[in-house]
Amino acid sequence: MAKRYNEEQKISDVLKAFIQENKLEKGINKVDAKEAWVKLMGNGVNNYTQNVELRNQVLYVSLSSSVLREELSMGKSKIVKMLNEELGQELIKKIVLK
């Protein structure tokens, strides 16, 4: 049976509680990580991005350009930092470019 709250609550607090109670954080984090990649990397990189997947704090990115993969691999730590700042939490520890 669902709990009923008599006091007023912010919708954001209610949603956070719902997400935690139903163990939905992983799925939402995966979507957030993918959206952050798209937003931060821009059209130039996104045109060559085939897939972005977050698993166990590792962001796996499939790219169709080996040249772009090499360029991005030189700045992995900076990209991780930018993505975590965008996400507002330390969600990504490592990036694997494929």
PDB file of N, CA and C in Angstrom:
ATOM      1  N   MET A   1       0.845  -1.177   0.000  1.00  0.00           N
ATOM      2  CA  MET A   1       0.000   0.000   0.000  1.00  0.00           C
ATOM      3  C   MET A   1       0.895   1.247   0.000  1.00  0.00           C
ATOM      4  N   ALA A   2       0.556   2.220  -0.797  1.00  0.00           N
ATOM      5  CA  ALA A   2       1.354   3.431  -0.929  1.00  0.00           C
ATOM      6  C   ALA A   2       1.204   4.318   0.305  1.00  0.00           C
ATOM      7  N   LYS A   3       2.291   5.012   0.616  1.00  0.00           N
ATOM      8  CA  LYS A   3       2.252   5.964   1.726  1.00  0.00           C
ATOM      9  C   LYS A   3       1.479   7.195   1.293  1.00  0.00           C
ATOM     10  N   ARG A   4       0.832   7.805   2.234  1.00  0.00           N
ATOM     11  CA  ARG A   4       0.122   9.044   1.938  1.00  0.00           C
ATOM     12  C   ARG A   4       0.732  10.139   2.814  1.00  0.00           C
ATOM     13  N   TYR A   5       1.160  11.219   2.161  1.00  0.00           N
ATOM     14  CA  TYR A   5       1.773  12.331   2.884  1.00  0.00           C
ATOM     15  C   TYR A   5       0.754  13.445   3.054  1.00  0.00           C
ATOM     16  N   ASN A   6       0.607  13.899   4.286  1.00  0.00           N
ATOM     17  CA  ASN A   6      -0.338  14.974   4.554  1.00  0.00           C
ATOM     18  C   ASN A   6       0.300  16.347   4.397  1.00  0.00           C
ATOM     19  N   GLU A   7       1.606  16.437   4.661  1.00  0.00           N
ATOM     20  CA  GLU A   7       2.255  17.733   4.548  1.00  0.00           C
ATOM     21  C   GLU A   7       2.635  17.997   3.080  1.00  0.00           C
ATOM     22  N   GLU A   8       2.758  19.258   2.748  1.00  0.00           N
ATOM     23  CA  GLU A   8       3.117  19.633   1.383  1.00  0.00           C
ATOM     24  C   GLU A   8       4.587  19.320   1.134  1.00  0.00           C
ATOM     25  N   GLN A   9       4.888  18.888  -0.111  1.00  0.00           N
ATOM     26  CA  GLN A   9       6.254  18.578  -0.503  1.00  0.00           C
ATOM     27  C   GLN A   9       6.487  19.123  -1.912  1.00  0.00           C
ATOM     28  N   LYS A  10       7.740  19.438  -2.179  1.00  0.00           N
ATOM     29  CA  LYS A  10       8.100  19.842  -3.534  1.00  0.00           C
ATOM     30  C   LYS A  10       7.997  18.632  -4.439  1.00  0.00           C
ATOM     31  N   ILE A  11       7.591  18.860  -5.671  1.00  0.00           N
ATOM     32  CA  ILE A  11       7.477  17.761  -6.631  1.00  0.00           C
ATOM     33  C   ILE A  11       8.840  17.105  -6.862  1.00  0.00           C
ATOM     34  N   SER A  12       9.920  17.894  -6.839  1.00  0.00           N
ATOM     35  CA  SER A  12      11.256  17.317  -7.051  1.00  0.00           C
ATOM     36  C   SER A  12      11.609  16.340  -5.925  1.00  0.00           C
ATOM     37  N   ASP A  13      11.216  16.667  -4.699  1.00  0.00           N
ATOM     38  CA  ASP A  13      11.478  15.766  -3.574  1.00  0.00           C
ATOM     39  C   ASP A  13      10.658  14.481  -3.684  1.00  0.00           C
ATOM     40  N   VAL A  14       9.417  14.621  -4.119  1.00  0.00           N
ATOM     41  CA  VAL A  14       8.550  13.450  -4.289  1.00  0.00           C
ATOM     42  C   VAL A  14       9.108  12.551  -5.384  1.00  0.00           C
ATOM     43  N   LEU A  15       9.563  13.149  -6.499  1.00  0.00           N
ATOM     44  CA  LEU A  15      10.130  12.362  -7.596  1.00  0.00           C
ATOM     45  C   LEU A  15      11.412  11.654  -7.164  1.00  0.00           C
ATOM     46  N   LYS A  16      12.269  12.357  -6.424  1.00  0.00           N
ATOM     47  CA  LYS A  16      13.503  11.723  -5.940  1.00  0.00           C
ATOM     48  C   LYS A  16      13.185  10.523  -5.056  1.00  0.00           C
ATOM     49  N   ALA A  17      12.225  10.674  -4.178  1.00  0.00           N
ATOM     50  CA  ALA A  17      11.832   9.575  -3.293  1.00  0.00           C
ATOM     51  C   ALA A  17      11.276   8.410  -4.109  1.00  0.00           C
ATOM     52  N   PHE A  18      10.455   8.713  -5.108  1.00  0.00           N
ATOM     53  CA  PHE A  18       9.891   7.666  -5.968  1.00  0.00           C
ATOM     54  C   PHE A  18      10.990   6.914  -6.706  1.00  0.00           C
ATOM     55  N   ILE A  19      11.958   7.667  -7.243  1.00  0.00           N
ATOM     56  CA  ILE A  19      13.070   7.065  -7.986  1.00  0.00           C
ATOM     57  C   ILE A  19      13.882   6.155  -7.071  1.00  0.00           C
ATOM     58  N   GLN A  20      14.169   6.617  -5.851  1.00  0.00           N
ATOM     59  CA  GLN A  20      14.952   5.818  -4.915  1.00  0.00           C
ATOM     60  C   GLN A  20      14.187   4.578  -4.450  1.00  0.00           C
ATOM     61  N   GLU A  21      12.919   4.740  -4.135  1.00  0.00           N
ATOM     62  CA  GLU A  21      12.116   3.613  -3.652  1.00  0.00           C
ATOM     63  C   GLU A  21      11.978   2.531  -4.716  1.00  0.00           C
ATOM     64  N   ASN A  22      11.941   2.934  -5.977  1.00  0.00           N
ATOM     65  CA  ASN A  22      11.749   1.974  -7.062  1.00  0.00           C
ATOM     66  C   ASN A  22      13.052   1.591  -7.758  1.00  0.00           C
ATOM     67  N   LYS A  23      14.181   2.008  -7.175  1.00  0.00           N
ATOM     68  CA  LYS A  23      15.515   1.661  -7.676  1.00  0.00           C
ATOM     69  C   LYS A  23      15.682   1.981  -9.165  1.00  0.00           C
ATOM     70  N   LEU A  24      15.328   3.211  -9.535  1.00  0.00           N
ATOM     71  CA  LEU A  24      15.393   3.643 -10.931  1.00  0.00           C
ATOM     72  C   LEU A  24      16.620   4.498 -11.232  1.00  0.00           C
ATOM     73  N   GLU A  25      17.500   4.713 -10.239  1.00  0.00           N
ATOM     74  CA  GLU A  25      18.637   5.614 -10.427  1.00  0.00           C
ATOM     75  C   GLU A  25      19.532   5.202 -11.590  1.00  0.00           C
ATOM     76  N   LYS A  26      19.832   3.884 -11.686  1.00  0.00           N
ATOM     77  CA  LYS A  26      20.752   3.417 -12.732  1.00  0.00           C
ATOM     78  C   LYS A  26      20.249   3.783 -14.115  1.00  0.00           C
ATOM     79  N   GLY A  27      18.986   3.537 -14.373  1.00  0.00           N
ATOM     80  CA  GLY A  27      18.412   3.838 -15.684  1.00  0.00           C
ATOM     81  C   GLY A  27      18.425   5.322 -15.978  1.00  0.00           C
ATOM     82  N   ILE A  28      18.089   6.115 -14.992  1.00  0.00           N
ATOM     83  CA  ILE A  28      18.076   7.567 -15.187  1.00  0.00           C
ATOM     84  C   ILE A  28      19.494   8.088 -15.384  1.00  0.00           C
ATOM     85  N   ASN A  29      20.455   7.553 -14.627  1.00  0.00           N
ATOM     86  CA  ASN A  29      21.850   7.966 -14.798  1.00  0.00           C
ATOM     87  C   ASN A  29      22.360   7.638 -16.191  1.00  0.00           C
ATOM     88  N   LYS A  30      21.949   6.488 -16.731  1.00  0.00           N
ATOM     89  CA  LYS A  30      22.365   6.108 -18.082  1.00  0.00           C
ATOM     90  C   LYS A  30      21.848   7.116 -19.110  1.00  0.00           C
ATOM     91  N   VAL A  31      20.599   7.493 -18.973  1.00  0.00           N
ATOM     92  CA  VAL A  31      20.005   8.468 -19.888  1.00  0.00           C
ATOM     93  C   VAL A  31      20.683   9.822 -19.723  1.00  0.00           C
ATOM     94  N   ASP A  32      20.909  10.240 -18.478  1.00  0.00           N
ATOM     95  CA  ASP A  32      21.559  11.524 -18.213  1.00  0.00           C
ATOM     96  C   ASP A  32      22.969  11.573 -18.794  1.00  0.00           C
ATOM     97  N   ALA A  33      23.721  10.476 -18.664  1.00  0.00           N
ATOM     98  CA  ALA A  33      25.091  10.427 -19.184  1.00  0.00           C
ATOM     99  C   ALA A  33      25.091  10.556 -20.702  1.00  0.00           C
ATOM    100  N   LYS A  34      24.184   9.879 -21.343  1.00  0.00           N
ATOM    101  CA  LYS A  34      24.088   9.949 -22.811  1.00  0.00           C
ATOM    102  C   LYS A  34      23.719  11.359 -23.258  1.00  0.00           C
ATOM    103  N   GLU A  35      22.756  11.975 -22.584  1.00  0.00           N
ATOM    104  CA  GLU A  35      22.344  13.342 -22.917  1.00  0.00           C
ATOM    105  C   GLU A  35      23.480  14.332 -22.681  1.00  0.00           C
ATOM    106  N   ALA A  36      24.252  14.134 -21.620  1.00  0.00           N
ATOM    107  CA  ALA A  36      25.382  15.021 -21.328  1.00  0.00           C
ATOM    108  C   ALA A  36      26.427  14.919 -22.441  1.00  0.00           C
ATOM    109  N   TRP A  37      26.698  13.697 -22.912  1.00  0.00           N
ATOM    110  CA  TRP A  37      27.655  13.495 -24.013  1.00  0.00           C
ATOM    111  C   TRP A  37      27.197  14.275 -25.245  1.00  0.00           C
ATOM    112  N   VAL A  38      25.944  14.095 -25.622  1.00  0.00           N
ATOM    113  CA  VAL A  38      25.394  14.756 -26.808  1.00  0.00           C
ATOM    114  C   VAL A  38      25.496  16.278 -26.664  1.00  0.00           C
ATOM    115  N   LYS A  39      25.140  16.773 -25.501  1.00  0.00           N
ATOM    116  CA  LYS A  39      25.141  18.224 -25.267  1.00  0.00           C
ATOM    117  C   LYS A  39      26.554  18.805 -25.305  1.00  0.00           C
ATOM    118  N   LEU A  40      27.487  18.160 -24.614  1.00  0.00           N
ATOM    119  CA  LEU A  40      28.833  18.712 -24.482  1.00  0.00           C
ATOM    120  C   LEU A  40      29.703  18.520 -25.721  1.00  0.00           C
ATOM    121  N   MET A  41      29.517  17.432 -26.444  1.00  0.00           N
ATOM    122  CA  MET A  41      30.417  17.126 -27.550  1.00  0.00           C
ATOM    123  C   MET A  41      30.027  17.829 -28.846  1.00  0.00           C
ATOM    124  N   GLY A  42      28.789  18.241 -28.986  1.00  0.00           N
ATOM    125  CA  GLY A  42      28.375  18.994 -30.165  1.00  0.00           C
ATOM    126  C   GLY A  42      28.189  18.126 -31.402  1.00  0.00           C
ATOM    127  N   ASN A  43      27.701  18.751 -32.469  1.00  0.00           N
ATOM    128  CA  ASN A  43      27.361  18.025 -33.697  1.00  0.00           C
ATOM    129  C   ASN A  43      28.556  17.349 -34.350  1.00  0.00           C
ATOM    130  N   GLY A  44      29.707  17.985 -34.331  1.00  0.00           N
ATOM    131  CA  GLY A  44      30.886  17.420 -34.979  1.00  0.00           C
ATOM    132  C   GLY A  44      31.212  16.030 -34.468  1.00  0.00           C
ATOM    133  N   VAL A  45      31.213  15.854 -33.164  1.00  0.00           N
ATOM    134  CA  VAL A  45      31.514  14.555 -32.562  1.00  0.00           C
ATOM    135  C   VAL A  45      30.284  13.641 -32.633  1.00  0.00           C
ATOM    136  N   ASN A  46      29.114  14.201 -32.415  1.00  0.00           N
ATOM    137  CA  ASN A  46      27.900  13.383 -32.389  1.00  0.00           C
ATOM    138  C   ASN A  46      27.588  12.748 -33.743  1.00  0.00           C
ATOM    139  N   ASN A  47      28.018  13.376 -34.818  1.00  0.00           N
ATOM    140  CA  ASN A  47      27.815  12.776 -36.142  1.00  0.00           C
ATOM    141  C   ASN A  47      28.574  11.455 -36.272  1.00  0.00           C
ATOM    142  N   TYR A  48      29.649  11.287 -35.531  1.00  0.00           N
ATOM    143  CA  TYR A  48      30.462  10.070 -35.580  1.00  0.00           C
ATOM    144  C   TYR A  48      30.216   9.149 -34.379  1.00  0.00           C
ATOM    145  N   THR A  49      29.335   9.560 -33.472  1.00  0.00           N
ATOM    146  CA  THR A  49      29.017   8.749 -32.294  1.00  0.00           C
ATOM    147  C   THR A  49      27.919   7.764 -32.649  1.00  0.00           C
ATOM    148  N   GLN A  50      28.225   6.484 -32.488  1.00  0.00           N
ATOM    149  CA  GLN A  50      27.240   5.448 -32.809  1.00  0.00           C
ATOM    150  C   GLN A  50      26.462   4.988 -31.585  1.00  0.00           C
ATOM    151  N   ASN A  51      27.131   4.954 -30.429  1.00  0.00           N
ATOM    152  CA  ASN A  51      26.458   4.494 -29.219  1.00  0.00           C
ATOM    153  C   ASN A  51      27.173   5.045 -27.991  1.00  0.00           C
ATOM    154  N   VAL A  52      26.399   5.360 -26.964  1.00  0.00           N
ATOM    155  CA  VAL A  52      26.938   5.807 -25.680  1.00  0.00           C
ATOM    156  C   VAL A  52      26.224   5.005 -24.606  1.00  0.00           C
ATOM    157  N   GLU A  53      27.018   4.329 -23.763  1.00  0.00           N
ATOM    158  CA  GLU A  53      26.419   3.494 -22.731  1.00  0.00           C
ATOM    159  C   GLU A  53      27.213   3.604 -21.433  1.00  0.00           C
ATOM    160  N   LEU A  54      26.510   3.790 -20.338  1.00  0.00           N
ATOM    161  CA  LEU A  54      27.127   3.868 -19.017  1.00  0.00           C
ATOM    162  C   LEU A  54      26.922   2.539 -18.304  1.00  0.00           C
ATOM    163  N   ARG A  55      28.050   1.906 -17.882  1.00  0.00           N
ATOM    164  CA  ARG A  55      28.003   0.661 -17.128  1.00  0.00           C
ATOM    165  C   ARG A  55      29.062   0.722 -16.036  1.00  0.00           C
ATOM    166  N   ASN A  56      28.658   0.547 -14.800  1.00  0.00           N
ATOM    167  CA  ASN A  56      29.590   0.510 -13.661  1.00  0.00           C
ATOM    168  C   ASN A  56      30.552   1.693 -13.644  1.00  0.00           C
ATOM    169  N   GLN A  57      30.030   2.870 -13.807  1.00  0.00           N
ATOM    170  CA  GLN A  57      30.778   4.127 -13.777  1.00  0.00           C
ATOM    171  C   GLN A  57      31.784   4.259 -14.917  1.00  0.00           C
ATOM    172  N   VAL A  58      31.623   3.437 -15.956  1.00  0.00           N
ATOM    173  CA  VAL A  58      32.460   3.541 -17.151  1.00  0.00           C
ATOM    174  C   VAL A  58      31.548   3.915 -18.316  1.00  0.00           C
ATOM    175  N   LEU A  59      31.910   4.978 -19.027  1.00  0.00           N
ATOM    176  CA  LEU A  59      31.147   5.410 -20.193  1.00  0.00           C
ATOM    177  C   LEU A  59      31.787   4.806 -21.433  1.00  0.00           C
ATOM    178  N   TYR A  60      31.045   3.933 -22.107  1.00  0.00           N
ATOM    179  CA  TYR A  60      31.514   3.301 -23.334  1.00  0.00           C
ATOM    180  C   TYR A  60      30.946   4.080 -24.510  1.00  0.00           C
ATOM    181  N   VAL A  61      31.841   4.566 -25.364  1.00  0.00           N
ATOM    182  CA  VAL A  61      31.423   5.363 -26.511  1.00  0.00           C
ATOM    183  C   VAL A  61      31.931   4.695 -27.782  1.00  0.00           C
ATOM    184  N   SER A  62      31.004   4.351 -28.672  1.00  0.00           N
ATOM    185  CA  SER A  62      31.367   3.771 -29.961  1.00  0.00           C
ATOM    186  C   SER A  62      31.404   4.883 -31.004  1.00  0.00           C
ATOM    187  N   LEU A  63      32.547   4.996 -31.667  1.00  0.00           N
ATOM    188  CA  LEU A  63      32.737   6.037 -32.680  1.00  0.00           C
ATOM    189  C   LEU A  63      33.023   5.389 -34.031  1.00  0.00           C
ATOM    190  N   SER A  64      32.555   6.031 -35.100  1.00  0.00           N
ATOM    191  CA  SER A  64      32.776   5.493 -36.438  1.00  0.00           C
ATOM    192  C   SER A  64      34.052   6.037 -37.079  1.00  0.00           C
ATOM    193  N   SER A  65      34.748   6.935 -36.401  1.00  0.00           N
ATOM    194  CA  SER A  65      35.971   7.537 -36.940  1.00  0.00           C
ATOM    195  C   SER A  65      37.165   7.221 -36.044  1.00  0.00           C
ATOM    196  N   SER A  66      38.144   6.495 -36.599  1.00  0.00           N
ATOM    197  CA  SER A  66      39.337   6.164 -35.820  1.00  0.00           C
ATOM    198  C   SER A  66      40.162   7.415 -35.525  1.00  0.00           C
ATOM    199  N   VAL A  67      40.149   8.380 -36.446  1.00  0.00           N
ATOM    200  CA  VAL A  67      40.887   9.634 -36.242  1.00  0.00           C
ATOM    201  C   VAL A  67      40.290  10.394 -35.054  1.00  0.00           C
ATOM    202  N   LEU A  68      38.972  10.492 -35.012  1.00  0.00           N
ATOM    203  CA  LEU A  68      38.300  11.174 -33.904  1.00  0.00           C
ATOM    204  C   LEU A  68      38.546  10.424 -32.596  1.00  0.00           C
ATOM    205  N   ARG A  69      38.522   9.104 -32.638  1.00  0.00           N
ATOM    206  CA  ARG A  69      38.772   8.290 -31.444  1.00  0.00           C
ATOM    207  C   ARG A  69      40.151   8.620 -30.869  1.00  0.00           C
ATOM    208  N   GLU A  70      41.157   8.724 -31.734  1.00  0.00           N
ATOM    209  CA  GLU A  70      42.512   9.067 -31.282  1.00  0.00           C
ATOM    210  C   GLU A  70      42.552  10.471 -30.682  1.00  0.00           C
ATOM    211  N   GLU A  71      41.901  11.422 -31.337  1.00  0.00           N
ATOM    212  CA  GLU A  71      41.873  12.808 -30.832  1.00  0.00           C
ATOM    213  C   GLU A  71      41.229  12.872 -29.446  1.00  0.00           C
ATOM    214  N   LEU A  72      40.083  12.216 -29.299  1.00  0.00           N
ATOM    215  CA  LEU A  72      39.371  12.249 -28.025  1.00  0.00           C
ATOM    216  C   LEU A  72      40.118  11.493 -26.932  1.00  0.00           C
ATOM    217  N   SER A  73      40.839  10.449 -27.303  1.00  0.00           N
ATOM    218  CA  SER A  73      41.541   9.648 -26.288  1.00  0.00           C
ATOM    219  C   SER A  73      42.611  10.468 -25.573  1.00  0.00           C
ATOM    220  N   MET A  74      43.121  11.497 -26.223  1.00  0.00           N
ATOM    221  CA  MET A  74      44.135  12.354 -25.589  1.00  0.00           C
ATOM    222  C   MET A  74      43.540  13.230 -24.488  1.00  0.00           C
ATOM    223  N   GLY A  75      42.229  13.449 -24.526  1.00  0.00           N
ATOM    224  CA  GLY A  75      41.600  14.328 -23.538  1.00  0.00           C
ATOM    225  C   GLY A  75      40.570  13.631 -22.675  1.00  0.00           C
ATOM    226  N   LYS A  76      40.727  12.330 -22.456  1.00  0.00           N
ATOM    227  CA  LYS A  76      39.731  11.561 -21.699  1.00  0.00           C
ATOM    228  C   LYS A  76      39.457  12.131 -20.315  1.00  0.00           C
ATOM    229  N   SER A  77      40.509  12.463 -19.581  1.00  0.00           N
ATOM    230  CA  SER A  77      40.305  12.944 -18.202  1.00  0.00           C
ATOM    231  C   SER A  77      39.538  14.262 -18.190  1.00  0.00           C
ATOM    232  N   LYS A  78      39.814  15.120 -19.163  1.00  0.00           N
ATOM    233  CA  LYS A  78      39.089  16.393 -19.259  1.00  0.00           C
ATOM    234  C   LYS A  78      37.621  16.146 -19.605  1.00  0.00           C
ATOM    235  N   ILE A  79      37.375  15.203 -20.495  1.00  0.00           N
ATOM    236  CA  ILE A  79      36.003  14.879 -20.891  1.00  0.00           C
ATOM    237  C   ILE A  79      35.233  14.318 -19.695  1.00  0.00           C
ATOM    238  N   VAL A  80      35.873  13.433 -18.918  1.00  0.00           N
ATOM    239  CA  VAL A  80      35.235  12.869 -17.720  1.00  0.00           C
ATOM    240  C   VAL A  80      34.864  13.992 -16.762  1.00  0.00           C
ATOM    241  N   LYS A  81      35.782  14.905 -16.549  1.00  0.00           N
ATOM    242  CA  LYS A  81      35.532  16.030 -15.633  1.00  0.00           C
ATOM    243  C   LYS A  81      34.364  16.888 -16.123  1.00  0.00           C
ATOM    244  N   MET A  82      34.354  17.208 -17.411  1.00  0.00           N
ATOM    245  CA  MET A  82      33.270  18.025 -17.987  1.00  0.00           C
ATOM    246  C   MET A  82      31.919  17.322 -17.868  1.00  0.00           C
ATOM    247  N   LEU A  83      31.889  16.031 -18.159  1.00  0.00           N
ATOM    248  CA  LEU A  83      30.630  15.280 -18.089  1.00  0.00           C
ATOM    249  C   LEU A  83      30.115  15.221 -16.653  1.00  0.00           C
ATOM    250  N   ASN A  84      31.004  14.956 -15.699  1.00  0.00           N
ATOM    251  CA  ASN A  84      30.586  14.899 -14.292  1.00  0.00           C
ATOM    252  C   ASN A  84      30.086  16.253 -13.802  1.00  0.00           C
ATOM    253  N   GLU A  85      30.718  17.334 -14.265  1.00  0.00           N
ATOM    254  CA  GLU A  85      30.239  18.673 -13.898  1.00  0.00           C
ATOM    255  C   GLU A  85      28.845  18.905 -14.465  1.00  0.00           C
ATOM    256  N   GLU A  86      28.633  18.489 -15.701  1.00  0.00           N
ATOM    257  CA  GLU A  86      27.327  18.633 -16.343  1.00  0.00           C
ATOM    258  C   GLU A  86      26.268  17.813 -15.600  1.00  0.00           C
ATOM    259  N   LEU A  87      26.649  16.630 -15.152  1.00  0.00           N
ATOM    260  CA  LEU A  87      25.717  15.741 -14.451  1.00  0.00           C
ATOM    261  C   LEU A  87      25.494  16.156 -13.003  1.00  0.00           C
ATOM    262  N   GLY A  88      26.403  16.953 -12.461  1.00  0.00           N
ATOM    263  CA  GLY A  88      26.270  17.406 -11.083  1.00  0.00           C
ATOM    264  C   GLY A  88      26.627  16.347 -10.057  1.00  0.00           C
ATOM    265  N   GLN A  89      27.317  15.303 -10.491  1.00  0.00           N
ATOM    266  CA  GLN A  89      27.756  14.251  -9.566  1.00  0.00           C
ATOM    267  C   GLN A  89      28.889  13.456 -10.206  1.00  0.00           C
ATOM    268  N   GLU A  90      29.612  12.727  -9.371  1.00  0.00           N
ATOM    269  CA  GLU A  90      30.749  11.917  -9.834  1.00  0.00           C
ATOM    270  C   GLU A  90      30.213  10.582 -10.332  1.00  0.00           C
ATOM    271  N   LEU A  91      29.603  10.611 -11.501  1.00  0.00           N
ATOM    272  CA  LEU A  91      28.935   9.434 -12.044  1.00  0.00           C
ATOM    273  C   LEU A  91      29.855   8.609 -12.932  1.00  0.00           C
ATOM    274  N   ILE A  92      30.779   9.279 -13.604  1.00  0.00           N
ATOM    275  CA  ILE A  92      31.665   8.613 -14.567  1.00  0.00           C
ATOM    276  C   ILE A  92      33.092   8.635 -14.020  1.00  0.00           C
ATOM    277  N   LYS A  93      33.725   7.467 -13.981  1.00  0.00           N
ATOM    278  CA  LYS A  93      35.106   7.374 -13.524  1.00  0.00           C
ATOM    279  C   LYS A  93      36.058   7.231 -14.703  1.00  0.00           C
ATOM    280  N   LYS A  94      35.577   6.668 -15.800  1.00  0.00           N
ATOM    281  CA  LYS A  94      36.457   6.336 -16.913  1.00  0.00           C
ATOM    282  C   LYS A  94      35.655   6.348 -18.214  1.00  0.00           C
ATOM    283  N   ILE A  95      36.348   6.640 -19.330  1.00  0.00           N
ATOM    284  CA  ILE A  95      35.723   6.572 -20.649  1.00  0.00           C
ATOM    285  C   ILE A  95      36.492   5.543 -21.482  1.00  0.00           C
ATOM    286  N   VAL A  96      35.743   4.683 -22.158  1.00  0.00           N
ATOM    287  CA  VAL A  96      36.339   3.716 -23.088  1.00  0.00           C
ATOM    288  C   VAL A  96      35.801   4.070 -24.472  1.00  0.00           C
ATOM    289  N   LEU A  97      36.724   4.406 -25.377  1.00  0.00           N
ATOM    290  CA  LEU A  97      36.350   4.757 -26.753  1.00  0.00           C
ATOM    291  C   LEU A  97      36.554   3.542 -27.631  1.00  0.00           C
ATOM    292  N   LYS A  98      35.502   3.145 -28.355  1.00  0.00           N
ATOM    293  CA  LYS A  98      35.591   1.965 -29.216  1.00  0.00           C
ATOM    294  C   LYS A  98      35.372   2.368 -30.665  1.00  0.00           C
TER     295      LYS A  98
END
